[in-house]
């Protein structure tokens, strides 16, 4: 996504993730993103999530300045592969 800041591994600490392969249903994943503060940024993010058949259940701007803003998104995912697809 062009409007997202390209992050390095030093920009975040990955959280261990486990998933019971027998579980079936919809699960909520909390995502964080840093976007350029310009018109259309949120629209592009929403469109990209929609392309992945991902439903946003909660959205919060956690930090904002003149150049960037950070958001926290709760999104419904069906399994680990769905989540990996969203994050790639």
PDB file of N, CA and C in Angstrom:
ATOM      1  N   UNK A   1       0.856  -1.164   0.000  1.00  0.00           N
ATOM      2  CA  UNK A   1       0.000   0.000   0.000  1.00  0.00           C
ATOM      3  C   UNK A   1       0.906   1.233   0.000  1.00  0.00           C
ATOM      4  N   UNK A   2       0.756   2.081  -0.919  1.00  0.00           N
ATOM      5  CA  UNK A   2       1.643   3.224  -1.107  1.00  0.00           C
ATOM      6  C   UNK A   2       1.608   4.179   0.086  1.00  0.00           C
ATOM      7  N   UNK A   3       0.447   4.365   0.674  1.00  0.00           N
ATOM      8  CA  UNK A   3       0.337   5.389   1.710  1.00  0.00           C
ATOM      9  C   UNK A   3       0.815   4.933   3.075  1.00  0.00           C
ATOM     10  N   UNK A   4       1.084   3.656   3.236  1.00  0.00           N
ATOM     11  CA  UNK A   4       1.571   3.184   4.520  1.00  0.00           C
ATOM     12  C   UNK A   4       3.078   3.382   4.612  1.00  0.00           C
ATOM     13  N   UNK A   5       3.529   3.712   5.788  1.00  0.00           N
ATOM     14  CA  UNK A   5       4.962   3.831   6.021  1.00  0.00           C
ATOM     15  C   UNK A   5       5.570   2.439   5.935  1.00  0.00           C
ATOM     16  N   UNK A   6       6.680   2.302   5.246  1.00  0.00           N
ATOM     17  CA  UNK A   6       7.382   1.034   5.207  1.00  0.00           C
ATOM     18  C   UNK A   6       8.108   0.857   6.532  1.00  0.00           C
ATOM     19  N   UNK A   7       7.805  -0.206   7.225  1.00  0.00           N
ATOM     20  CA  UNK A   7       8.374  -0.438   8.543  1.00  0.00           C
ATOM     21  C   UNK A   7       9.547  -1.407   8.469  1.00  0.00           C
ATOM     22  N   UNK A   8      10.490  -1.205   9.342  1.00  0.00           N
ATOM     23  CA  UNK A   8      11.595  -2.130   9.506  1.00  0.00           C
ATOM     24  C   UNK A   8      11.291  -3.023  10.702  1.00  0.00           C
ATOM     25  N   UNK A   9      11.979  -4.147  10.809  1.00  0.00           N
ATOM     26  CA  UNK A   9      11.758  -5.040  11.946  1.00  0.00           C
ATOM     27  C   UNK A   9      11.991  -4.322  13.269  1.00  0.00           C
ATOM     28  N   UNK A  10      12.857  -3.320  13.283  1.00  0.00           N
ATOM     29  CA  UNK A  10      13.129  -2.598  14.521  1.00  0.00           C
ATOM     30  C   UNK A  10      11.979  -1.669  14.915  1.00  0.00           C
ATOM     31  N   UNK A  11      11.004  -1.465  14.014  1.00  0.00           N
ATOM     32  CA  UNK A  11       9.881  -0.579  14.305  1.00  0.00           C
ATOM     33  C   UNK A  11       8.804  -1.224  15.179  1.00  0.00           C
ATOM     34  N   UNK A  12       8.852  -2.532  15.328  1.00  0.00           N
ATOM     35  CA  UNK A  12       7.815  -3.188  16.118  1.00  0.00           C
ATOM     36  C   UNK A  12       8.334  -4.500  16.678  1.00  0.00           C
ATOM     37  N   UNK A  13       7.646  -4.981  17.695  1.00  0.00           N
ATOM     38  CA  UNK A  13       7.947  -6.285  18.275  1.00  0.00           C
ATOM     39  C   UNK A  13       6.814  -7.222  17.891  1.00  0.00           C
ATOM     40  N   UNK A  14       7.107  -8.263  17.101  1.00  0.00           N
ATOM     41  CA  UNK A  14       6.049  -9.194  16.735  1.00  0.00           C
ATOM     42  C   UNK A  14       5.515  -9.916  17.965  1.00  0.00           C
ATOM     43  N   UNK A  15       4.234 -10.181  17.956  1.00  0.00           N
ATOM     44  CA  UNK A  15       3.601 -10.891  19.042  1.00  0.00           C
ATOM     45  C   UNK A  15       3.435 -12.351  18.641  1.00  0.00           C
ATOM     46  N   UNK A  16       3.810 -13.284  19.525  1.00  0.00           N
ATOM     47  CA  UNK A  16       3.609 -14.696  19.190  1.00  0.00           C
ATOM     48  C   UNK A  16       2.127 -14.962  18.909  1.00  0.00           C
ATOM     49  N   UNK A  17       1.878 -15.799  17.938  1.00  0.00           N
ATOM     50  CA  UNK A  17       0.511 -16.081  17.528  1.00  0.00           C
ATOM     51  C   UNK A  17       0.325 -17.581  17.445  1.00  0.00           C
ATOM     52  N   UNK A  18      -0.739 -18.057  18.059  1.00  0.00           N
ATOM     53  CA  UNK A  18      -1.069 -19.479  17.927  1.00  0.00           C
ATOM     54  C   UNK A  18      -2.526 -19.586  17.522  1.00  0.00           C
ATOM     55  N   UNK A  19      -2.829 -20.674  16.853  1.00  0.00           N
ATOM     56  CA  UNK A  19      -4.167 -20.852  16.330  1.00  0.00           C
ATOM     57  C   UNK A  19      -4.508 -22.331  16.352  1.00  0.00           C
ATOM     58  N   UNK A  20      -5.612 -22.668  16.941  1.00  0.00           N
ATOM     59  CA  UNK A  20      -6.059 -24.061  16.948  1.00  0.00           C
ATOM     60  C   UNK A  20      -6.704 -24.342  15.600  1.00  0.00           C
ATOM     61  N   UNK A  21      -6.067 -25.205  14.818  1.00  0.00           N
ATOM     62  CA  UNK A  21      -6.561 -25.483  13.465  1.00  0.00           C
ATOM     63  C   UNK A  21      -7.972 -26.050  13.450  1.00  0.00           C
ATOM     64  N   UNK A  22      -8.424 -26.587  14.567  1.00  0.00           N
ATOM     65  CA  UNK A  22      -9.773 -27.128  14.626  1.00  0.00           C
ATOM     66  C   UNK A  22     -10.856 -26.075  14.819  1.00  0.00           C
ATOM     67  N   UNK A  23     -10.445 -24.884  15.190  1.00  0.00           N
ATOM     68  CA  UNK A  23     -11.407 -23.805  15.427  1.00  0.00           C
ATOM     69  C   UNK A  23     -11.990 -23.313  14.106  1.00  0.00           C
ATOM     70  N   UNK A  24     -13.299 -23.139  14.100  1.00  0.00           N
ATOM     71  CA  UNK A  24     -13.990 -22.628  12.916  1.00  0.00           C
ATOM     72  C   UNK A  24     -14.826 -21.442  13.356  1.00  0.00           C
ATOM     73  N   UNK A  25     -14.820 -20.385  12.543  1.00  0.00           N
ATOM     74  CA  UNK A  25     -15.631 -19.226  12.882  1.00  0.00           C
ATOM     75  C   UNK A  25     -14.953 -17.940  12.462  1.00  0.00           C
ATOM     76  N   UNK A  26     -15.402 -16.865  13.065  1.00  0.00           N
ATOM     77  CA  UNK A  26     -14.846 -15.546  12.803  1.00  0.00           C
ATOM     78  C   UNK A  26     -14.111 -15.105  14.067  1.00  0.00           C
ATOM     79  N   UNK A  27     -12.904 -14.589  13.885  1.00  0.00           N
ATOM     80  CA  UNK A  27     -12.070 -14.163  14.988  1.00  0.00           C
ATOM     81  C   UNK A  27     -11.711 -12.695  14.791  1.00  0.00           C
ATOM     82  N   UNK A  28     -11.441 -11.992  15.878  1.00  0.00           N
ATOM     83  CA  UNK A  28     -11.078 -10.581  15.795  1.00  0.00           C
ATOM     84  C   UNK A  28      -9.565 -10.446  15.950  1.00  0.00           C
ATOM     85  N   UNK A  29      -8.945  -9.776  14.998  1.00  0.00           N
ATOM     86  CA  UNK A  29      -7.522  -9.471  15.034  1.00  0.00           C
ATOM     87  C   UNK A  29      -7.357  -7.970  15.224  1.00  0.00           C
ATOM     88  N   UNK A  30      -6.492  -7.567  16.129  1.00  0.00           N
ATOM     89  CA  UNK A  30      -6.222  -6.144  16.323  1.00  0.00           C
ATOM     90  C   UNK A  30      -4.997  -5.773  15.503  1.00  0.00           C
ATOM     91  N   UNK A  31      -5.170  -4.832  14.603  1.00  0.00           N
ATOM     92  CA  UNK A  31      -4.113  -4.392  13.699  1.00  0.00           C
ATOM     93  C   UNK A  31      -3.750  -2.948  14.012  1.00  0.00           C
ATOM     94  N   UNK A  32      -2.494  -2.600  13.788  1.00  0.00           N
ATOM     95  CA  UNK A  32      -2.065  -1.221  13.925  1.00  0.00           C
ATOM     96  C   UNK A  32      -1.385  -0.812  12.630  1.00  0.00           C
ATOM     97  N   UNK A  33      -1.630   0.417  12.215  1.00  0.00           N
ATOM     98  CA  UNK A  33      -1.026   0.916  10.978  1.00  0.00           C
ATOM     99  C   UNK A  33      -0.646   2.374  11.168  1.00  0.00           C
ATOM    100  N   UNK A  34       0.390   2.771  10.452  1.00  0.00           N
ATOM    101  CA  UNK A  34       0.821   4.167  10.427  1.00  0.00           C
ATOM    102  C   UNK A  34       0.639   4.642   8.999  1.00  0.00           C
ATOM    103  N   UNK A  35      -0.195   5.666   8.810  1.00  0.00           N
ATOM    104  CA  UNK A  35      -0.537   6.166   7.484  1.00  0.00           C
ATOM    105  C   UNK A  35      -0.086   7.609   7.316  1.00  0.00           C
ATOM    106  N   UNK A  36       0.161   7.971   6.072  1.00  0.00           N
ATOM    107  CA  UNK A  36       0.468   9.356   5.745  1.00  0.00           C
ATOM    108  C   UNK A  36      -0.789  10.185   5.988  1.00  0.00           C
ATOM    109  N   UNK A  37      -0.643  11.332   6.611  1.00  0.00           N
ATOM    110  CA  UNK A  37      -1.776  12.203   6.914  1.00  0.00           C
ATOM    111  C   UNK A  37      -2.110  13.042   5.679  1.00  0.00           C
ATOM    112  N   UNK A  38      -2.887  12.430   4.770  1.00  0.00           N
ATOM    113  CA  UNK A  38      -3.320  13.134   3.564  1.00  0.00           C
ATOM    114  C   UNK A  38      -4.681  12.597   3.141  1.00  0.00           C
ATOM    115  N   UNK A  39      -5.435  13.382   2.382  1.00  0.00           N
ATOM    116  CA  UNK A  39      -6.766  12.948   1.955  1.00  0.00           C
ATOM    117  C   UNK A  39      -6.708  11.606   1.223  1.00  0.00           C
ATOM    118  N   UNK A  40      -7.616  10.720   1.603  1.00  0.00           N
ATOM    119  CA  UNK A  40      -7.729   9.428   0.940  1.00  0.00           C
ATOM    120  C   UNK A  40      -7.016   8.282   1.624  1.00  0.00           C
ATOM    121  N   UNK A  41      -6.169   8.570   2.606  1.00  0.00           N
ATOM    122  CA  UNK A  41      -5.420   7.501   3.271  1.00  0.00           C
ATOM    123  C   UNK A  41      -6.338   6.462   3.917  1.00  0.00           C
ATOM    124  N   UNK A  42      -7.329   6.923   4.654  1.00  0.00           N
ATOM    125  CA  UNK A  42      -8.253   5.983   5.301  1.00  0.00           C
ATOM    126  C   UNK A  42      -9.078   5.225   4.264  1.00  0.00           C
ATOM    127  N   UNK A  43      -9.423   5.878   3.183  1.00  0.00           N
ATOM    128  CA  UNK A  43     -10.186   5.220   2.119  1.00  0.00           C
ATOM    129  C   UNK A  43      -9.384   4.075   1.517  1.00  0.00           C
ATOM    130  N   UNK A  44      -8.113   4.317   1.243  1.00  0.00           N
ATOM    131  CA  UNK A  44      -7.269   3.269   0.661  1.00  0.00           C
ATOM    132  C   UNK A  44      -7.131   2.102   1.624  1.00  0.00           C
ATOM    133  N   UNK A  45      -6.917   2.384   2.899  1.00  0.00           N
ATOM    134  CA  UNK A  45      -6.820   1.323   3.903  1.00  0.00           C
ATOM    135  C   UNK A  45      -8.106   0.499   3.942  1.00  0.00           C
ATOM    136  N   UNK A  46      -9.242   1.159   3.972  1.00  0.00           N
ATOM    137  CA  UNK A  46     -10.539   0.466   4.006  1.00  0.00           C
ATOM    138  C   UNK A  46     -10.758  -0.381   2.757  1.00  0.00           C
ATOM    139  N   UNK A  47     -10.395   0.142   1.608  1.00  0.00           N
ATOM    140  CA  UNK A  47     -10.555  -0.591   0.349  1.00  0.00           C
ATOM    141  C   UNK A  47      -9.673  -1.835   0.345  1.00  0.00           C
ATOM    142  N   UNK A  48      -8.432  -1.695   0.805  1.00  0.00           N
ATOM    143  CA  UNK A  48      -7.524  -2.847   0.843  1.00  0.00           C
ATOM    144  C   UNK A  48      -8.059  -3.932   1.773  1.00  0.00           C
ATOM    145  N   UNK A  49      -8.608  -3.556   2.915  1.00  0.00           N
ATOM    146  CA  UNK A  49      -9.193  -4.547   3.823  1.00  0.00           C
ATOM    147  C   UNK A  49     -10.431  -5.181   3.199  1.00  0.00           C
ATOM    148  N   UNK A  50     -11.236  -4.400   2.516  1.00  0.00           N
ATOM    149  CA  UNK A  50     -12.433  -4.933   1.854  1.00  0.00           C
ATOM    150  C   UNK A  50     -12.061  -5.932   0.760  1.00  0.00           C
ATOM    151  N   UNK A  51     -10.983  -5.668   0.033  1.00  0.00           N
ATOM    152  CA  UNK A  51     -10.527  -6.604  -1.001  1.00  0.00           C
ATOM    153  C   UNK A  51     -10.194  -7.967  -0.404  1.00  0.00           C
ATOM    154  N   UNK A  52      -9.774  -7.974   0.854  1.00  0.00           N
ATOM    155  CA  UNK A  52      -9.434  -9.219   1.542  1.00  0.00           C
ATOM    156  C   UNK A  52     -10.653  -9.831   2.246  1.00  0.00           C
ATOM    157  N   UNK A  53     -11.831  -9.277   1.971  1.00  0.00           N
ATOM    158  CA  UNK A  53     -13.072  -9.757   2.615  1.00  0.00           C
ATOM    159  C   UNK A  53     -12.970  -9.659   4.133  1.00  0.00           C
ATOM    160  N   UNK A  54     -12.434  -8.552   4.586  1.00  0.00           N
ATOM    161  CA  UNK A  54     -12.206  -8.312   6.004  1.00  0.00           C
ATOM    162  C   UNK A  54     -13.175  -7.246   6.498  1.00  0.00           C
ATOM    163  N   UNK A  55     -13.880  -7.535   7.581  1.00  0.00           N
ATOM    164  CA  UNK A  55     -14.826  -6.595   8.154  1.00  0.00           C
ATOM    165  C   UNK A  55     -14.182  -5.848   9.316  1.00  0.00           C
ATOM    166  N   UNK A  56     -14.248  -4.527   9.291  1.00  0.00           N
ATOM    167  CA  UNK A  56     -13.737  -3.704  10.389  1.00  0.00           C
ATOM    168  C   UNK A  56     -14.829  -3.597  11.445  1.00  0.00           C
ATOM    169  N   UNK A  57     -14.504  -4.019  12.680  1.00  0.00           N
ATOM    170  CA  UNK A  57     -15.499  -3.955  13.752  1.00  0.00           C
ATOM    171  C   UNK A  57     -15.236  -2.815  14.728  1.00  0.00           C
ATOM    172  N   UNK A  58     -14.009  -2.290  14.727  1.00  0.00           N
ATOM    173  CA  UNK A  58     -13.678  -1.162  15.590  1.00  0.00           C
ATOM    174  C   UNK A  58     -12.507  -0.418  14.955  1.00  0.00           C
ATOM    175  N   UNK A  59     -12.493   0.894  15.139  1.00  0.00           N
ATOM    176  CA  UNK A  59     -11.462   1.728  14.527  1.00  0.00           C
ATOM    177  C   UNK A  59     -11.167   2.894  15.457  1.00  0.00           C
ATOM    178  N   UNK A  60      -9.874   3.154  15.692  1.00  0.00           N
ATOM    179  CA  UNK A  60      -9.510   4.269  16.564  1.00  0.00           C
ATOM    180  C   UNK A  60      -8.212   4.901  16.070  1.00  0.00           C
ATOM    181  N   UNK A  61      -8.204   6.232  15.967  1.00  0.00           N
ATOM    182  CA  UNK A  61      -6.968   6.960  15.684  1.00  0.00           C
ATOM    183  C   UNK A  61      -6.259   7.120  17.020  1.00  0.00           C
ATOM    184  N   UNK A  62      -5.060   6.548  17.130  1.00  0.00           N
ATOM    185  CA  UNK A  62      -4.343   6.552  18.407  1.00  0.00           C
ATOM    186  C   UNK A  62      -3.307   7.664  18.516  1.00  0.00           C
ATOM    187  N   UNK A  63      -2.879   8.193  17.382  1.00  0.00           N
ATOM    188  CA  UNK A  63      -1.900   9.274  17.384  1.00  0.00           C
ATOM    189  C   UNK A  63      -1.979   9.988  16.044  1.00  0.00           C
ATOM    190  N   UNK A  64      -1.828  11.298  16.077  1.00  0.00           N
ATOM    191  CA  UNK A  64      -1.891  12.054  14.823  1.00  0.00           C
ATOM    192  C   UNK A  64      -0.992  13.274  14.917  1.00  0.00           C
ATOM    193  N   UNK A  65      -0.300  13.542  13.813  1.00  0.00           N
ATOM    194  CA  UNK A  65       0.464  14.781  13.708  1.00  0.00           C
ATOM    195  C   UNK A  65       0.319  15.278  12.268  1.00  0.00           C
ATOM    196  N   UNK A  66       1.071  16.289  11.900  1.00  0.00           N
ATOM    197  CA  UNK A  66       0.913  16.887  10.572  1.00  0.00           C
ATOM    198  C   UNK A  66       1.311  15.946   9.443  1.00  0.00           C
ATOM    199  N   UNK A  67       2.206  14.996   9.714  1.00  0.00           N
ATOM    200  CA  UNK A  67       2.714  14.119   8.659  1.00  0.00           C
ATOM    201  C   UNK A  67       2.069  12.728   8.626  1.00  0.00           C
ATOM    202  N   UNK A  68       1.861  12.137   9.782  1.00  0.00           N
ATOM    203  CA  UNK A  68       1.360  10.766   9.876  1.00  0.00           C
ATOM    204  C   UNK A  68       0.258  10.658  10.909  1.00  0.00           C
ATOM    205  N   UNK A  69      -0.510   9.573  10.815  1.00  0.00           N
ATOM    206  CA  UNK A  69      -1.374   9.215  11.920  1.00  0.00           C
ATOM    207  C   UNK A  69      -1.370   7.709  12.079  1.00  0.00           C
ATOM    208  N   UNK A  70      -1.580   7.283  13.312  1.00  0.00           N
ATOM    209  CA  UNK A  70      -1.577   5.867  13.643  1.00  0.00           C
ATOM    210  C   UNK A  70      -2.992   5.450  13.996  1.00  0.00           C
ATOM    211  N   UNK A  71      -3.369   4.267  13.531  1.00  0.00           N
ATOM    212  CA  UNK A  71      -4.711   3.766  13.793  1.00  0.00           C
ATOM    213  C   UNK A  71      -4.632   2.363  14.387  1.00  0.00           C
ATOM    214  N   UNK A  72      -5.645   2.026  15.163  1.00  0.00           N
ATOM    215  CA  UNK A  72      -5.829   0.689  15.683  1.00  0.00           C
ATOM    216  C   UNK A  72      -7.151   0.184  15.099  1.00  0.00           C
ATOM    217  N   UNK A  73      -7.102  -0.997  14.522  1.00  0.00           N
ATOM    218  CA  UNK A  73      -8.273  -1.552  13.843  1.00  0.00           C
ATOM    219  C   UNK A  73      -8.549  -2.944  14.383  1.00  0.00           C
ATOM    220  N   UNK A  74      -9.788  -3.209  14.771  1.00  0.00           N
ATOM    221  CA  UNK A  74     -10.218  -4.567  15.065  1.00  0.00           C
ATOM    222  C   UNK A  74     -10.907  -5.076  13.814  1.00  0.00           C
ATOM    223  N   UNK A  75     -10.409  -6.187  13.301  1.00  0.00           N
ATOM    224  CA  UNK A  75     -10.907  -6.714  12.032  1.00  0.00           C
ATOM    225  C   UNK A  75     -11.241  -8.190  12.180  1.00  0.00           C
ATOM    226  N   UNK A  76     -12.317  -8.606  11.542  1.00  0.00           N
ATOM    227  CA  UNK A  76     -12.720 -10.012  11.576  1.00  0.00           C
ATOM    228  C   UNK A  76     -11.920 -10.810  10.548  1.00  0.00           C
ATOM    229  N   UNK A  77     -11.362 -11.932  11.007  1.00  0.00           N
ATOM    230  CA  UNK A  77     -10.628 -12.844  10.131  1.00  0.00           C
ATOM    231  C   UNK A  77     -11.166 -14.255  10.347  1.00  0.00           C
ATOM    232  N   UNK A  78     -11.021 -15.095   9.326  1.00  0.00           N
ATOM    233  CA  UNK A  78     -11.564 -16.448   9.424  1.00  0.00           C
ATOM    234  C   UNK A  78     -10.534 -17.479   9.874  1.00  0.00           C
ATOM    235  N   UNK A  79      -9.245 -17.211   9.629  1.00  0.00           N
ATOM    236  CA  UNK A  79      -8.195 -18.140  10.044  1.00  0.00           C
ATOM    237  C   UNK A  79      -6.840 -17.457   9.909  1.00  0.00           C
ATOM    238  N   UNK A  80      -5.796 -18.183  10.249  1.00  0.00           N
ATOM    239  CA  UNK A  80      -4.454 -17.599  10.221  1.00  0.00           C
ATOM    240  C   UNK A  80      -4.028 -17.218   8.811  1.00  0.00           C
ATOM    241  N   UNK A  81      -4.433 -18.002   7.815  1.00  0.00           N
ATOM    242  CA  UNK A  81      -4.081 -17.673   6.428  1.00  0.00           C
ATOM    243  C   UNK A  81      -4.745 -16.374   5.990  1.00  0.00           C
ATOM    244  N   UNK A  82      -5.978 -16.167   6.438  1.00  0.00           N
ATOM    245  CA  UNK A  82      -6.686 -14.919   6.134  1.00  0.00           C
ATOM    246  C   UNK A  82      -5.934 -13.739   6.758  1.00  0.00           C
ATOM    247  N   UNK A  83      -5.506 -13.892   8.009  1.00  0.00           N
ATOM    248  CA  UNK A  83      -4.757 -12.838   8.684  1.00  0.00           C
ATOM    249  C   UNK A  83      -3.428 -12.573   7.976  1.00  0.00           C
ATOM    250  N   UNK A  84      -2.718 -13.613   7.620  1.00  0.00           N
ATOM    251  CA  UNK A  84      -1.441 -13.449   6.908  1.00  0.00           C
ATOM    252  C   UNK A  84      -1.644 -12.724   5.577  1.00  0.00           C
ATOM    253  N   UNK A  85      -2.718 -13.031   4.897  1.00  0.00           N
ATOM    254  CA  UNK A  85      -3.022 -12.367   3.626  1.00  0.00           C
ATOM    255  C   UNK A  85      -3.254 -10.880   3.823  1.00  0.00           C
ATOM    256  N   UNK A  86      -3.935 -10.529   4.889  1.00  0.00           N
ATOM    257  CA  UNK A  86      -4.189  -9.117   5.202  1.00  0.00           C
ATOM    258  C   UNK A  86      -2.899  -8.396   5.520  1.00  0.00           C
ATOM    259  N   UNK A  87      -2.008  -9.056   6.247  1.00  0.00           N
ATOM    260  CA  UNK A  87      -0.764  -8.420   6.695  1.00  0.00           C
ATOM    261  C   UNK A  87       0.295  -8.353   5.608  1.00  0.00           C
ATOM    262  N   UNK A  88       0.119  -9.115   4.533  1.00  0.00           N
ATOM    263  CA  UNK A  88       1.158  -9.111   3.497  1.00  0.00           C
ATOM    264  C   UNK A  88       0.984  -7.989   2.499  1.00  0.00           C
TER     265      UNK A  88
END
